[in-house]
Amino acid sequence: MLVSELPFVQPHLYDSQIPPVVYLSGVLMFVAGLAVVRAHNIWARNWTVLVTLTGWFSLTLGLVRMFAASQYRQAAASTSSTVLMCLEGVLLIVAFIITFHGYRREPK
Protein backbone atom coordinates (compact mmCIF):
# COMPACT_ATOMS: atom_id res chain seq x y z
CA MET A 1 0.00 0.00 0.00
CA LEU A 2 2.83 2.40 0.84
CA VAL A 3 4.62 1.90 -2.46
CA SER A 4 1.43 2.52 -4.43
CA GLU A 5 1.00 5.93 -2.73
CA LEU A 6 4.54 7.18 -3.37
CA PRO A 7 4.57 10.54 -5.19
CA PHE A 8 6.75 9.27 -8.04
CA VAL A 9 4.29 6.40 -8.67
CA GLN A 10 1.13 8.53 -8.48
CA PRO A 11 2.18 12.21 -8.34
CA HIS A 12 -1.33 13.68 -8.14
CA LEU A 13 -3.04 11.05 -6.00
CA TYR A 14 -4.33 13.45 -3.34
CA ASP A 15 -5.09 16.33 -5.71
CA SER A 16 -8.27 14.86 -7.15
CA GLN A 17 -9.67 12.96 -4.18
CA ILE A 18 -13.07 13.93 -2.88
CA PRO A 19 -13.91 13.95 0.85
CA PRO A 20 -16.10 10.79 0.69
CA VAL A 21 -13.12 8.81 -0.65
CA VAL A 22 -10.90 10.18 2.12
CA TYR A 23 -13.62 9.27 4.64
CA LEU A 24 -13.87 5.73 3.26
CA SER A 25 -10.11 5.22 3.47
CA GLY A 26 -10.29 6.56 7.04
CA VAL A 27 -12.92 3.99 7.96
CA LEU A 28 -10.76 1.21 6.52
CA MET A 29 -7.66 2.47 8.35
CA PHE A 30 -9.61 2.81 11.59
CA VAL A 31 -10.94 -0.75 11.38
CA ALA A 32 -7.50 -2.16 10.51
CA GLY A 33 -5.83 -0.19 13.33
CA LEU A 34 -8.50 -1.26 15.80
CA ALA A 35 -8.01 -4.91 14.83
CA VAL A 36 -4.24 -4.63 15.34
CA VAL A 37 -4.60 -2.84 18.68
CA ARG A 38 -7.17 -5.36 19.94
CA ALA A 39 -5.07 -8.35 18.92
CA HIS A 40 -1.59 -6.96 19.64
CA ASN A 41 -1.47 -4.26 22.30
CA ILE A 42 1.93 -5.30 23.65
CA TRP A 43 4.29 -2.69 25.07
CA ALA A 44 7.58 -4.60 25.30
CA ARG A 45 11.11 -3.31 24.78
CA ASN A 46 11.68 -5.12 21.50
CA TRP A 47 10.59 -4.96 17.86
CA THR A 48 6.99 -6.02 18.65
CA VAL A 49 6.22 -2.54 19.94
CA LEU A 50 6.41 -1.41 16.29
CA VAL A 51 3.32 -3.53 15.57
CA THR A 52 1.44 -1.89 18.44
CA LEU A 53 2.55 1.60 17.39
CA THR A 54 1.52 0.89 13.80
CA GLY A 55 -1.93 -0.14 15.01
CA TRP A 56 -2.33 3.01 17.10
CA PHE A 57 -1.05 5.17 14.23
CA SER A 58 -3.56 3.60 11.81
CA LEU A 59 -6.38 3.97 14.30
CA THR A 60 -5.56 7.65 14.93
CA LEU A 61 -5.06 8.51 11.26
CA GLY A 62 -8.32 6.75 10.43
CA LEU A 63 -10.15 8.92 12.95
CA VAL A 64 -8.57 12.07 11.52
CA ARG A 65 -9.57 11.05 8.00
CA MET A 66 -13.11 10.27 9.15
CA PHE A 67 -13.77 13.43 11.16
CA ALA A 68 -11.76 15.91 9.09
CA ALA A 69 -11.89 14.48 5.56
CA SER A 70 -11.97 17.84 3.75
CA GLN A 71 -9.18 19.36 5.82
CA TYR A 72 -7.06 16.20 5.48
CA ARG A 73 -7.48 16.19 1.70
CA GLN A 74 -6.50 19.86 1.47
CA ALA A 75 -3.47 19.38 3.72
CA ALA A 76 -2.32 16.30 1.77
CA ALA A 77 -2.74 18.11 -1.55
CA SER A 78 -0.73 21.12 -0.38
CA THR A 79 2.13 19.10 1.17
CA SER A 80 5.26 18.93 -0.95
CA SER A 81 6.22 15.62 -2.50
CA THR A 82 9.57 15.70 -0.68
CA VAL A 83 7.85 15.67 2.71
CA LEU A 84 5.56 12.85 1.58
CA MET A 85 8.54 10.86 0.30
CA CYS A 86 10.34 11.24 3.64
CA LEU A 87 7.30 10.22 5.69
CA GLU A 88 6.53 7.26 3.46
CA GLY A 89 10.20 6.27 3.49
CA VAL A 90 10.14 6.08 7.29
CA LEU A 91 6.93 4.05 7.18
CA LEU A 92 8.47 1.74 4.58
CA ILE A 93 11.51 1.12 6.80
CA VAL A 94 9.20 0.29 9.74
CA ALA A 95 7.25 -2.09 7.47
CA PHE A 96 10.48 -3.84 6.41
CA ILE A 97 11.58 -4.23 10.04
CA ILE A 98 8.21 -5.69 11.07
CA THR A 99 8.18 -8.04 8.07
CA PHE A 100 11.77 -9.19 8.64
CA HIS A 101 11.26 -9.93 12.32
CA GLY A 102 7.82 -11.44 11.75
CA TYR A 103 9.11 -14.02 9.26
CA ARG A 104 12.59 -14.76 10.58
CA ARG A 105 13.28 -18.07 12.18
CA GLU A 106 13.99 -17.94 15.90
CA PRO A 107 17.26 -19.59 16.95
CA LYS A 108 16.78 -22.73 19.03
PDB file of N, CA and C in Angstrom:
ATOM      1  N   MET A   1       0.829  -1.181   0.000  1.00  0.00           N
ATOM      2  CA  MET A   1       0.000   0.000   0.000  1.00  0.00           C
ATOM      3  C   MET A   1       0.877   1.249   0.000  1.00  0.00           C
ATOM      4  N   LEU A   2       1.947   1.231   0.785  1.00  0.00           N
ATOM      5  CA  LEU A   2       2.829   2.396   0.844  1.00  0.00           C
ATOM      6  C   LEU A   2       3.463   2.709  -0.499  1.00  0.00           C
ATOM      7  N   VAL A   3       3.942   1.690  -1.180  1.00  0.00           N
ATOM      8  CA  VAL A   3       4.617   1.898  -2.461  1.00  0.00           C
ATOM      9  C   VAL A   3       3.647   2.462  -3.492  1.00  0.00           C
ATOM     10  N   SER A   4       2.396   2.030  -3.455  1.00  0.00           N
ATOM     11  CA  SER A   4       1.426   2.524  -4.434  1.00  0.00           C
ATOM     12  C   SER A   4       1.065   3.995  -4.210  1.00  0.00           C
ATOM     13  N   GLU A   5       1.313   4.526  -3.019  1.00  0.00           N
ATOM     14  CA  GLU A   5       1.001   5.926  -2.729  1.00  0.00           C
ATOM     15  C   GLU A   5       2.197   6.854  -2.891  1.00  0.00           C
ATOM     16  N   LEU A   6       3.358   6.333  -3.228  1.00  0.00           N
ATOM     17  CA  LEU A   6       4.537   7.184  -3.370  1.00  0.00           C
ATOM     18  C   LEU A   6       4.321   8.238  -4.453  1.00  0.00           C
ATOM     19  N   PRO A   7       4.798   9.458  -4.232  1.00  0.00           N
ATOM     20  CA  PRO A   7       4.572  10.539  -5.192  1.00  0.00           C
ATOM     21  C   PRO A   7       5.144  10.286  -6.580  1.00  0.00           C
ATOM     22  N   PHE A   8       6.230   9.516  -6.704  1.00  0.00           N
ATOM     23  CA  PHE A   8       6.748   9.266  -8.044  1.00  0.00           C
ATOM     24  C   PHE A   8       5.974   8.161  -8.757  1.00  0.00           C
ATOM     25  N   VAL A   9       5.163   7.398  -8.040  1.00  0.00           N
ATOM     26  CA  VAL A   9       4.293   6.399  -8.671  1.00  0.00           C
ATOM     27  C   VAL A   9       2.983   7.058  -9.105  1.00  0.00           C
ATOM     28  N   GLN A  10       2.372   7.813  -8.192  1.00  0.00           N
ATOM     29  CA  GLN A  10       1.128   8.527  -8.482  1.00  0.00           C
ATOM     30  C   GLN A  10       1.289   9.974  -7.988  1.00  0.00           C
ATOM     31  N   PRO A  11       1.841  10.853  -8.816  1.00  0.00           N
ATOM     32  CA  PRO A  11       2.182  12.207  -8.343  1.00  0.00           C
ATOM     33  C   PRO A  11       0.992  13.061  -7.921  1.00  0.00           C
ATOM     34  N   HIS A  12      -0.177  12.827  -8.455  1.00  0.00           N
ATOM     35  CA  HIS A  12      -1.326  13.680  -8.136  1.00  0.00           C
ATOM     36  C   HIS A  12      -2.436  12.880  -7.471  1.00  0.00           C
ATOM     37  N   LEU A  13      -2.067  11.918  -6.641  1.00  0.00           N
ATOM     38  CA  LEU A  13      -3.044  11.048  -5.999  1.00  0.00           C
ATOM     39  C   LEU A  13      -4.001  11.830  -5.103  1.00  0.00           C
ATOM     40  N   TYR A  14      -3.477  12.733  -4.297  1.00  0.00           N
ATOM     41  CA  TYR A  14      -4.326  13.452  -3.344  1.00  0.00           C
ATOM     42  C   TYR A  14      -4.930  14.725  -3.920  1.00  0.00           C
ATOM     43  N   ASP A  15      -4.541  15.110  -5.120  1.00  0.00           N
ATOM     44  CA  ASP A  15      -5.086  16.329  -5.714  1.00  0.00           C
ATOM     45  C   ASP A  15      -6.550  16.180  -6.096  1.00  0.00           C
ATOM     46  N   SER A  16      -6.927  15.026  -6.603  1.00  0.00           N
ATOM     47  CA  SER A  16      -8.267  14.861  -7.153  1.00  0.00           C
ATOM     48  C   SER A  16      -9.196  14.039  -6.269  1.00  0.00           C
ATOM     49  N   GLN A  17      -8.793  13.723  -5.054  1.00  0.00           N
ATOM     50  CA  GLN A  17      -9.669  12.958  -4.180  1.00  0.00           C
ATOM     51  C   GLN A  17     -10.786  13.840  -3.647  1.00  0.00           C
ATOM     52  N   ILE A  18     -11.936  13.223  -3.452  1.00  0.00           N
ATOM     53  CA  ILE A  18     -13.069  13.934  -2.875  1.00  0.00           C
ATOM     54  C   ILE A  18     -13.217  13.476  -1.424  1.00  0.00           C
ATOM     55  N   PRO A  19     -13.809  14.306  -0.572  1.00  0.00           N
ATOM     56  CA  PRO A  19     -13.911  13.947   0.852  1.00  0.00           C
ATOM     57  C   PRO A  19     -14.548  12.587   1.144  1.00  0.00           C
ATOM     58  N   PRO A  20     -15.573  12.126   0.393  1.00  0.00           N
ATOM     59  CA  PRO A  20     -16.097  10.788   0.692  1.00  0.00           C
ATOM     60  C   PRO A  20     -15.076   9.669   0.504  1.00  0.00           C
ATOM     61  N   VAL A  21     -14.158   9.820  -0.447  1.00  0.00           N
ATOM     62  CA  VAL A  21     -13.122   8.807  -0.645  1.00  0.00           C
ATOM     63  C   VAL A  21     -12.132   8.843   0.510  1.00  0.00           C
ATOM     64  N   VAL A  22     -11.789  10.039   0.968  1.00  0.00           N
ATOM     65  CA  VAL A  22     -10.897  10.176   2.122  1.00  0.00           C
ATOM     66  C   VAL A  22     -11.570   9.583   3.357  1.00  0.00           C
ATOM     67  N   TYR A  23     -12.872   9.832   3.509  1.00  0.00           N
ATOM     68  CA  TYR A  23     -13.625   9.274   4.635  1.00  0.00           C
ATOM     69  C   TYR A  23     -13.616   7.743   4.582  1.00  0.00           C
ATOM     70  N   LEU A  24     -13.849   7.185   3.405  1.00  0.00           N
ATOM     71  CA  LEU A  24     -13.866   5.725   3.263  1.00  0.00           C
ATOM     72  C   LEU A  24     -12.509   5.121   3.603  1.00  0.00           C
ATOM     73  N   SER A  25     -11.432   5.734   3.128  1.00  0.00           N
ATOM     74  CA  SER A  25     -10.109   5.222   3.470  1.00  0.00           C
ATOM     75  C   SER A  25      -9.848   5.370   4.971  1.00  0.00           C
ATOM     76  N   GLY A  26     -10.405   6.396   5.584  1.00  0.00           N
ATOM     77  CA  GLY A  26     -10.289   6.557   7.035  1.00  0.00           C
ATOM     78  C   GLY A  26     -11.003   5.457   7.795  1.00  0.00           C
ATOM     79  N   VAL A  27     -12.182   5.087   7.321  1.00  0.00           N
ATOM     80  CA  VAL A  27     -12.919   3.989   7.958  1.00  0.00           C
ATOM     81  C   VAL A  27     -12.111   2.693   7.861  1.00  0.00           C
ATOM     82  N   LEU A  28     -11.557   2.429   6.696  1.00  0.00           N
ATOM     83  CA  LEU A  28     -10.763   1.206   6.520  1.00  0.00           C
ATOM     84  C   LEU A  28      -9.515   1.222   7.394  1.00  0.00           C
ATOM     85  N   MET A  29      -8.836   2.370   7.483  1.00  0.00           N
ATOM     86  CA  MET A  29      -7.655   2.470   8.348  1.00  0.00           C
ATOM     87  C   MET A  29      -8.033   2.324   9.813  1.00  0.00           C
ATOM     88  N   PHE A  30      -9.158   2.916  10.206  1.00  0.00           N
ATOM     89  CA  PHE A  30      -9.608   2.806  11.589  1.00  0.00           C
ATOM     90  C   PHE A  30      -9.897   1.361  11.965  1.00  0.00           C
ATOM     91  N   VAL A  31     -10.604   0.652  11.104  1.00  0.00           N
ATOM     92  CA  VAL A  31     -10.938  -0.751  11.381  1.00  0.00           C
ATOM     93  C   VAL A  31      -9.671  -1.606  11.442  1.00  0.00           C
ATOM     94  N   ALA A  32      -8.747  -1.393  10.505  1.00  0.00           N
ATOM     95  CA  ALA A  32      -7.496  -2.157  10.513  1.00  0.00           C
ATOM     96  C   ALA A  32      -6.679  -1.844  11.769  1.00  0.00           C
ATOM     97  N   GLY A  33      -6.569  -0.571  12.121  1.00  0.00           N
ATOM     98  CA  GLY A  33      -5.834  -0.191  13.326  1.00  0.00           C
ATOM     99  C   GLY A  33      -6.468  -0.742  14.584  1.00  0.00           C
ATOM    100  N   LEU A  34      -7.797  -0.718  14.646  1.00  0.00           N
ATOM    101  CA  LEU A  34      -8.504  -1.259  15.802  1.00  0.00           C
ATOM    102  C   LEU A  34      -8.268  -2.762  15.927  1.00  0.00           C
ATOM    103  N   ALA A  35      -8.264  -3.464  14.804  1.00  0.00           N
ATOM    104  CA  ALA A  35      -8.005  -4.905  14.834  1.00  0.00           C
ATOM    105  C   ALA A  35      -6.595  -5.200  15.343  1.00  0.00           C
ATOM    106  N   VAL A  36      -5.624  -4.423  14.886  1.00  0.00           N
ATOM    107  CA  VAL A  36      -4.237  -4.631  15.336  1.00  0.00           C
ATOM    108  C   VAL A  36      -4.113  -4.320  16.822  1.00  0.00           C
ATOM    109  N   VAL A  37      -4.703  -3.222  17.277  1.00  0.00           N
ATOM    110  CA  VAL A  37      -4.601  -2.841  18.683  1.00  0.00           C
ATOM    111  C   VAL A  37      -5.304  -3.865  19.575  1.00  0.00           C
ATOM    112  N   ARG A  38      -6.448  -4.357  19.137  1.00  0.00           N
ATOM    113  CA  ARG A  38      -7.174  -5.358  19.942  1.00  0.00           C
ATOM    114  C   ARG A  38      -6.416  -6.678  20.016  1.00  0.00           C
ATOM    115  N   ALA A  39      -5.760  -7.065  18.947  1.00  0.00           N
ATOM    116  CA  ALA A  39      -5.066  -8.355  18.921  1.00  0.00           C
ATOM    117  C   ALA A  39      -3.630  -8.256  19.419  1.00  0.00           C
ATOM    118  N   HIS A  40      -3.019  -7.075  19.345  1.00  0.00           N
ATOM    119  CA  HIS A  40      -1.591  -6.962  19.635  1.00  0.00           C
ATOM    120  C   HIS A  40      -1.290  -5.643  20.326  1.00  0.00           C
ATOM    121  N   ASN A  41      -1.762  -5.473  21.529  1.00  0.00           N
ATOM    122  CA  ASN A  41      -1.473  -4.259  22.298  1.00  0.00           C
ATOM    123  C   ASN A  41      -0.389  -4.593  23.322  1.00  0.00           C
ATOM    124  N   ILE A  42       0.815  -4.854  22.824  1.00  0.00           N
ATOM    125  CA  ILE A  42       1.931  -5.295  23.654  1.00  0.00           C
ATOM    126  C   ILE A  42       2.980  -4.191  23.701  1.00  0.00           C
ATOM    127  N   TRP A  43       3.312  -3.761  24.896  1.00  0.00           N
ATOM    128  CA  TRP A  43       4.295  -2.694  25.073  1.00  0.00           C
ATOM    129  C   TRP A  43       5.561  -3.285  25.680  1.00  0.00           C
ATOM    130  N   ALA A  44       6.332  -3.985  24.868  1.00  0.00           N
ATOM    131  CA  ALA A  44       7.585  -4.600  25.298  1.00  0.00           C
ATOM    132  C   ALA A  44       8.751  -3.823  24.702  1.00  0.00           C
ATOM    133  N   ARG A  45       9.921  -3.999  25.283  1.00  0.00           N
ATOM    134  CA  ARG A  45      11.111  -3.306  24.781  1.00  0.00           C
ATOM    135  C   ARG A  45      11.808  -4.146  23.727  1.00  0.00           C
ATOM    136  N   ASN A  46      11.097  -4.411  22.647  1.00  0.00           N
ATOM    137  CA  ASN A  46      11.683  -5.116  21.497  1.00  0.00           C
ATOM    138  C   ASN A  46      10.939  -4.671  20.240  1.00  0.00           C
ATOM    139  N   TRP A  47      11.153  -5.372  19.143  1.00  0.00           N
ATOM    140  CA  TRP A  47      10.594  -4.956  17.864  1.00  0.00           C
ATOM    141  C   TRP A  47       9.068  -5.054  17.830  1.00  0.00           C
ATOM    142  N   THR A  48       8.451  -5.842  18.706  1.00  0.00           N
ATOM    143  CA  THR A  48       6.993  -6.022  18.650  1.00  0.00           C
ATOM    144  C   THR A  48       6.228  -4.742  18.983  1.00  0.00           C
ATOM    145  N   VAL A  49       6.894  -3.806  19.658  1.00  0.00           N
ATOM    146  CA  VAL A  49       6.224  -2.537  19.941  1.00  0.00           C
ATOM    147  C   VAL A  49       5.927  -1.777  18.645  1.00  0.00           C
ATOM    148  N   LEU A  50       6.689  -2.045  17.583  1.00  0.00           N
ATOM    149  CA  LEU A  50       6.406  -1.406  16.289  1.00  0.00           C
ATOM    150  C   LEU A  50       5.039  -1.824  15.747  1.00  0.00           C
ATOM    151  N   VAL A  51       4.644  -3.063  16.007  1.00  0.00           N
ATOM    152  CA  VAL A  51       3.317  -3.529  15.567  1.00  0.00           C
ATOM    153  C   VAL A  51       2.234  -2.764  16.324  1.00  0.00           C
ATOM    154  N   THR A  52       2.411  -2.630  17.629  1.00  0.00           N
ATOM    155  CA  THR A  52       1.445  -1.893  18.443  1.00  0.00           C
ATOM    156  C   THR A  52       1.376  -0.430  18.021  1.00  0.00           C
ATOM    157  N   LEU A  53       2.532   0.199  17.818  1.00  0.00           N
ATOM    158  CA  LEU A  53       2.553   1.602  17.392  1.00  0.00           C
ATOM    159  C   LEU A  53       1.926   1.784  16.016  1.00  0.00           C
ATOM    160  N   THR A  54       2.146   0.832  15.122  1.00  0.00           N
ATOM    161  CA  THR A  54       1.516   0.891  13.797  1.00  0.00           C
ATOM    162  C   THR A  54      -0.003   0.813  13.914  1.00  0.00           C
ATOM    163  N   GLY A  55      -0.480  -0.042  14.786  1.00  0.00           N
ATOM    164  CA  GLY A  55      -1.928  -0.138  15.012  1.00  0.00           C
ATOM    165  C   GLY A  55      -2.516   1.150  15.548  1.00  0.00           C
ATOM    166  N   TRP A  56      -1.850   1.755  16.539  1.00  0.00           N
ATOM    167  CA  TRP A  56      -2.333   3.014  17.097  1.00  0.00           C
ATOM    168  C   TRP A  56      -2.250   4.147  16.084  1.00  0.00           C
ATOM    169  N   PHE A  57      -1.190   4.150  15.266  1.00  0.00           N
ATOM    170  CA  PHE A  57      -1.049   5.168  14.227  1.00  0.00           C
ATOM    171  C   PHE A  57      -2.177   5.036  13.204  1.00  0.00           C
ATOM    172  N   SER A  58      -2.471   3.815  12.770  1.00  0.00           N
ATOM    173  CA  SER A  58      -3.559   3.596  11.808  1.00  0.00           C
ATOM    174  C   SER A  58      -4.910   3.986  12.393  1.00  0.00           C
ATOM    175  N   LEU A  59      -5.126   3.637  13.639  1.00  0.00           N
ATOM    176  CA  LEU A  59      -6.381   3.973  14.295  1.00  0.00           C
ATOM    177  C   LEU A  59      -6.552   5.489  14.389  1.00  0.00           C
ATOM    178  N   THR A  60      -5.499   6.192  14.794  1.00  0.00           N
ATOM    179  CA  THR A  60      -5.565   7.652  14.925  1.00  0.00           C
ATOM    180  C   THR A  60      -5.730   8.336  13.575  1.00  0.00           C
ATOM    181  N   LEU A  61      -4.948   7.908  12.587  1.00  0.00           N
ATOM    182  CA  LEU A  61      -5.056   8.515  11.263  1.00  0.00           C
ATOM    183  C   LEU A  61      -6.427   8.223  10.645  1.00  0.00           C
ATOM    184  N   GLY A  62      -6.972   7.054  10.905  1.00  0.00           N
ATOM    185  CA  GLY A  62      -8.316   6.749  10.431  1.00  0.00           C
ATOM    186  C   GLY A  62      -9.348   7.683  11.026  1.00  0.00           C
ATOM    187  N   LEU A  63      -9.228   7.970  12.321  1.00  0.00           N
ATOM    188  CA  LEU A  63     -10.146   8.916  12.955  1.00  0.00           C
ATOM    189  C   LEU A  63     -10.018  10.312  12.362  1.00  0.00           C
ATOM    190  N   VAL A  64      -8.779  10.743  12.121  1.00  0.00           N
ATOM    191  CA  VAL A  64      -8.574  12.068  11.523  1.00  0.00           C
ATOM    192  C   VAL A  64      -9.203  12.114  10.140  1.00  0.00           C
ATOM    193  N   ARG A  65      -8.986  11.064   9.341  1.00  0.00           N
ATOM    194  CA  ARG A  65      -9.568  11.046   7.998  1.00  0.00           C
ATOM    195  C   ARG A  65     -11.088  10.986   8.039  1.00  0.00           C
ATOM    196  N   MET A  66     -11.655  10.360   9.056  1.00  0.00           N
ATOM    197  CA  MET A  66     -13.114  10.271   9.153  1.00  0.00           C
ATOM    198  C   MET A  66     -13.736  11.596   9.590  1.00  0.00           C
ATOM    199  N   PHE A  67     -13.152  12.242  10.592  1.00  0.00           N
ATOM    200  CA  PHE A  67     -13.774  13.434  11.162  1.00  0.00           C
ATOM    201  C   PHE A  67     -13.321  14.733  10.524  1.00  0.00           C
ATOM    202  N   ALA A  68     -12.248  14.700   9.750  1.00  0.00           N
ATOM    203  CA  ALA A  68     -11.762  15.914   9.091  1.00  0.00           C
ATOM    204  C   ALA A  68     -11.334  15.584   7.662  1.00  0.00           C
ATOM    205  N   ALA A  69     -12.223  14.958   6.908  1.00  0.00           N
ATOM    206  CA  ALA A  69     -11.888  14.483   5.562  1.00  0.00           C
ATOM    207  C   ALA A  69     -11.514  15.635   4.629  1.00  0.00           C
ATOM    208  N   SER A  70     -12.262  16.713   4.640  1.00  0.00           N
ATOM    209  CA  SER A  70     -11.969  17.839   3.749  1.00  0.00           C
ATOM    210  C   SER A  70     -10.643  18.497   4.100  1.00  0.00           C
ATOM    211  N   GLN A  71     -10.419  18.725   5.390  1.00  0.00           N
ATOM    212  CA  GLN A  71      -9.177  19.357   5.816  1.00  0.00           C
ATOM    213  C   GLN A  71      -7.975  18.447   5.542  1.00  0.00           C
ATOM    214  N   TYR A  72      -8.147  17.142   5.741  1.00  0.00           N
ATOM    215  CA  TYR A  72      -7.060  16.198   5.485  1.00  0.00           C
ATOM    216  C   TYR A  72      -6.707  16.196   3.998  1.00  0.00           C
ATOM    217  N   ARG A  73      -7.720  16.201   3.139  1.00  0.00           N
ATOM    218  CA  ARG A  73      -7.480  16.195   1.698  1.00  0.00           C
ATOM    219  C   ARG A  73      -6.744  17.461   1.277  1.00  0.00           C
ATOM    220  N   GLN A  74      -7.161  18.608   1.802  1.00  0.00           N
ATOM    221  CA  GLN A  74      -6.500  19.861   1.467  1.00  0.00           C
ATOM    222  C   GLN A  74      -5.054  19.888   1.966  1.00  0.00           C
ATOM    223  N   ALA A  75      -4.825  19.389   3.164  1.00  0.00           N
ATOM    224  CA  ALA A  75      -3.466  19.375   3.718  1.00  0.00           C
ATOM    225  C   ALA A  75      -2.572  18.425   2.920  1.00  0.00           C
ATOM    226  N   ALA A  76      -3.111  17.268   2.539  1.00  0.00           N
ATOM    227  CA  ALA A  76      -2.322  16.302   1.772  1.00  0.00           C
ATOM    228  C   ALA A  76      -2.008  16.837   0.374  1.00  0.00           C
ATOM    229  N   ALA A  77      -2.958  17.560  -0.213  1.00  0.00           N
ATOM    230  CA  ALA A  77      -2.736  18.110  -1.555  1.00  0.00           C
ATOM    231  C   ALA A  77      -1.718  19.243  -1.538  1.00  0.00           C
ATOM    232  N   SER A  78      -1.647  19.979  -0.436  1.00  0.00           N
ATOM    233  CA  SER A  78      -0.730  21.121  -0.382  1.00  0.00           C
ATOM    234  C   SER A  78       0.658  20.752   0.165  1.00  0.00           C
ATOM    235  N   THR A  79       0.830  19.530   0.646  1.00  0.00           N
ATOM    236  CA  THR A  79       2.126  19.104   1.166  1.00  0.00           C
ATOM    237  C   THR A  79       3.052  18.776   0.009  1.00  0.00           C
ATOM    238  N   SER A  80       4.309  19.173   0.143  1.00  0.00           N
ATOM    239  CA  SER A  80       5.264  18.926  -0.946  1.00  0.00           C
ATOM    240  C   SER A  80       5.566  17.432  -1.068  1.00  0.00           C
ATOM    241  N   SER A  81       5.938  17.033  -2.261  1.00  0.00           N
ATOM    242  CA  SER A  81       6.217  15.620  -2.498  1.00  0.00           C
ATOM    243  C   SER A  81       7.462  15.156  -1.748  1.00  0.00           C
ATOM    244  N   THR A  82       8.375  16.069  -1.439  1.00  0.00           N
ATOM    245  CA  THR A  82       9.574  15.705  -0.676  1.00  0.00           C
ATOM    246  C   THR A  82       9.202  15.277   0.743  1.00  0.00           C
ATOM    247  N   VAL A  83       8.296  16.021   1.358  1.00  0.00           N
ATOM    248  CA  VAL A  83       7.849  15.672   2.710  1.00  0.00           C
ATOM    249  C   VAL A  83       7.123  14.333   2.689  1.00  0.00           C
ATOM    250  N   LEU A  84       6.266  14.130   1.692  1.00  0.00           N
ATOM    251  CA  LEU A  84       5.561  12.854   1.579  1.00  0.00           C
ATOM    252  C   LEU A  84       6.525  11.698   1.365  1.00  0.00           C
ATOM    253  N   MET A  85       7.543  11.910   0.550  1.00  0.00           N
ATOM    254  CA  MET A  85       8.542  10.864   0.304  1.00  0.00           C
ATOM    255  C   MET A  85       9.281  10.508   1.593  1.00  0.00           C
ATOM    256  N   CYS A  86       9.639  11.502   2.383  1.00  0.00           N
ATOM    257  CA  CYS A  86      10.344  11.240   3.644  1.00  0.00           C
ATOM    258  C   CYS A  86       9.458  10.471   4.621  1.00  0.00           C
ATOM    259  N   LEU A  87       8.216  10.907   4.784  1.00  0.00           N
ATOM    260  CA  LEU A  87       7.302  10.218   5.685  1.00  0.00           C
ATOM    261  C   LEU A  87       7.039   8.781   5.237  1.00  0.00           C
ATOM    262  N   GLU A  88       6.796   8.607   3.953  1.00  0.00           N
ATOM    263  CA  GLU A  88       6.527   7.257   3.460  1.00  0.00           C
ATOM    264  C   GLU A  88       7.783   6.399   3.473  1.00  0.00           C
ATOM    265  N   GLY A  89       8.954   7.019   3.361  1.00  0.00           N
ATOM    266  CA  GLY A  89      10.204   6.270   3.486  1.00  0.00           C
ATOM    267  C   GLY A  89      10.380   5.714   4.894  1.00  0.00           C
ATOM    268  N   VAL A  90      10.066   6.537   5.905  1.00  0.00           N
ATOM    269  CA  VAL A  90      10.138   6.075   7.291  1.00  0.00           C
ATOM    270  C   VAL A  90       9.144   4.942   7.526  1.00  0.00           C
ATOM    271  N   LEU A  91       7.932   5.102   7.020  1.00  0.00           N
ATOM    272  CA  LEU A  91       6.931   4.047   7.178  1.00  0.00           C
ATOM    273  C   LEU A  91       7.342   2.766   6.455  1.00  0.00           C
ATOM    274  N   LEU A  92       8.003   2.908   5.317  1.00  0.00           N
ATOM    275  CA  LEU A  92       8.472   1.737   4.576  1.00  0.00           C
ATOM    276  C   LEU A  92       9.573   1.008   5.342  1.00  0.00           C
ATOM    277  N   ILE A  93      10.462   1.741   5.986  1.00  0.00           N
ATOM    278  CA  ILE A  93      11.506   1.121   6.801  1.00  0.00           C
ATOM    279  C   ILE A  93      10.884   0.360   7.977  1.00  0.00           C
ATOM    280  N   VAL A  94       9.901   0.972   8.640  1.00  0.00           N
ATOM    281  CA  VAL A  94       9.205   0.292   9.738  1.00  0.00           C
ATOM    282  C   VAL A  94       8.527  -0.977   9.225  1.00  0.00           C
ATOM    283  N   ALA A  95       7.909  -0.909   8.046  1.00  0.00           N
ATOM    284  CA  ALA A  95       7.254  -2.090   7.471  1.00  0.00           C
ATOM    285  C   ALA A  95       8.267  -3.188   7.177  1.00  0.00           C
ATOM    286  N   PHE A  96       9.440  -2.835   6.665  1.00  0.00           N
ATOM    287  CA  PHE A  96      10.482  -3.838   6.409  1.00  0.00           C
ATOM    288  C   PHE A  96      10.963  -4.480   7.710  1.00  0.00           C
ATOM    289  N   ILE A  97      11.131  -3.688   8.756  1.00  0.00           N
ATOM    290  CA  ILE A  97      11.578  -4.229  10.042  1.00  0.00           C
ATOM    291  C   ILE A  97      10.542  -5.209  10.597  1.00  0.00           C
ATOM    292  N   ILE A  98       9.278  -4.812  10.578  1.00  0.00           N
ATOM    293  CA  ILE A  98       8.212  -5.692  11.073  1.00  0.00           C
ATOM    294  C   ILE A  98       8.153  -6.979  10.253  1.00  0.00           C
ATOM    295  N   THR A  99       8.235  -6.856   8.931  1.00  0.00           N
ATOM    296  CA  THR A  99       8.180  -8.039   8.066  1.00  0.00           C
ATOM    297  C   THR A  99       9.368  -8.943   8.304  1.00  0.00           C
ATOM    298  N   PHE A 100      10.567  -8.376   8.406  1.00  0.00           N
ATOM    299  CA  PHE A 100      11.765  -9.188   8.638  1.00  0.00           C
ATOM    300  C   PHE A 100      11.662  -9.958   9.945  1.00  0.00           C
ATOM    301  N   HIS A 101      11.327  -9.268  11.027  1.00  0.00           N
ATOM    302  CA  HIS A 101      11.255  -9.930  12.323  1.00  0.00           C
ATOM    303  C   HIS A 101      10.053 -10.874  12.420  1.00  0.00           C
ATOM    304  N   GLY A 102       9.000 -10.571  11.721  1.00  0.00           N
ATOM    305  CA  GLY A 102       7.823 -11.439  11.751  1.00  0.00           C
ATOM    306  C   GLY A 102       8.040 -12.769  11.044  1.00  0.00           C
ATOM    307  N   TYR A 103       8.902 -12.805  10.030  1.00  0.00           N
ATOM    308  CA  TYR A 103       9.113 -14.021   9.256  1.00  0.00           C
ATOM    309  C   TYR A 103      10.443 -14.699   9.513  1.00  0.00           C
ATOM    310  N   ARG A 104      11.316 -14.110  10.339  1.00  0.00           N
ATOM    311  CA  ARG A 104      12.594 -14.759  10.577  1.00  0.00           C
ATOM    312  C   ARG A 104      12.416 -15.941  11.506  1.00  0.00           C
ATOM    313  N   ARG A 105      13.316 -16.866  11.361  1.00  0.00           N
ATOM    314  CA  ARG A 105      13.282 -18.070  12.179  1.00  0.00           C
ATOM    315  C   ARG A 105      14.012 -17.804  13.489  1.00  0.00           C
ATOM    316  N   GLU A 106      13.375 -18.121  14.584  1.00  0.00           N
ATOM    317  CA  GLU A 106      13.985 -17.942  15.899  1.00  0.00           C
ATOM    318  C   GLU A 106      15.068 -18.992  16.115  1.00  0.00           C
ATOM    319  N   PRO A 107      16.222 -18.597  16.643  1.00  0.00           N
ATOM    320  CA  PRO A 107      17.257 -19.594  16.946  1.00  0.00           C
ATOM    321  C   PRO A 107      16.825 -20.504  18.088  1.00  0.00           C
ATOM    322  N   LYS A 108      17.180 -21.764  17.984  1.00  0.00           N
ATOM    323  CA  LYS A 108      16.779 -22.732  19.032  1.00  0.00           C
ATOM    324  C   LYS A 108      17.884 -22.993  19.996  1.00  0.00           C
TER     325      LYS A 108
END
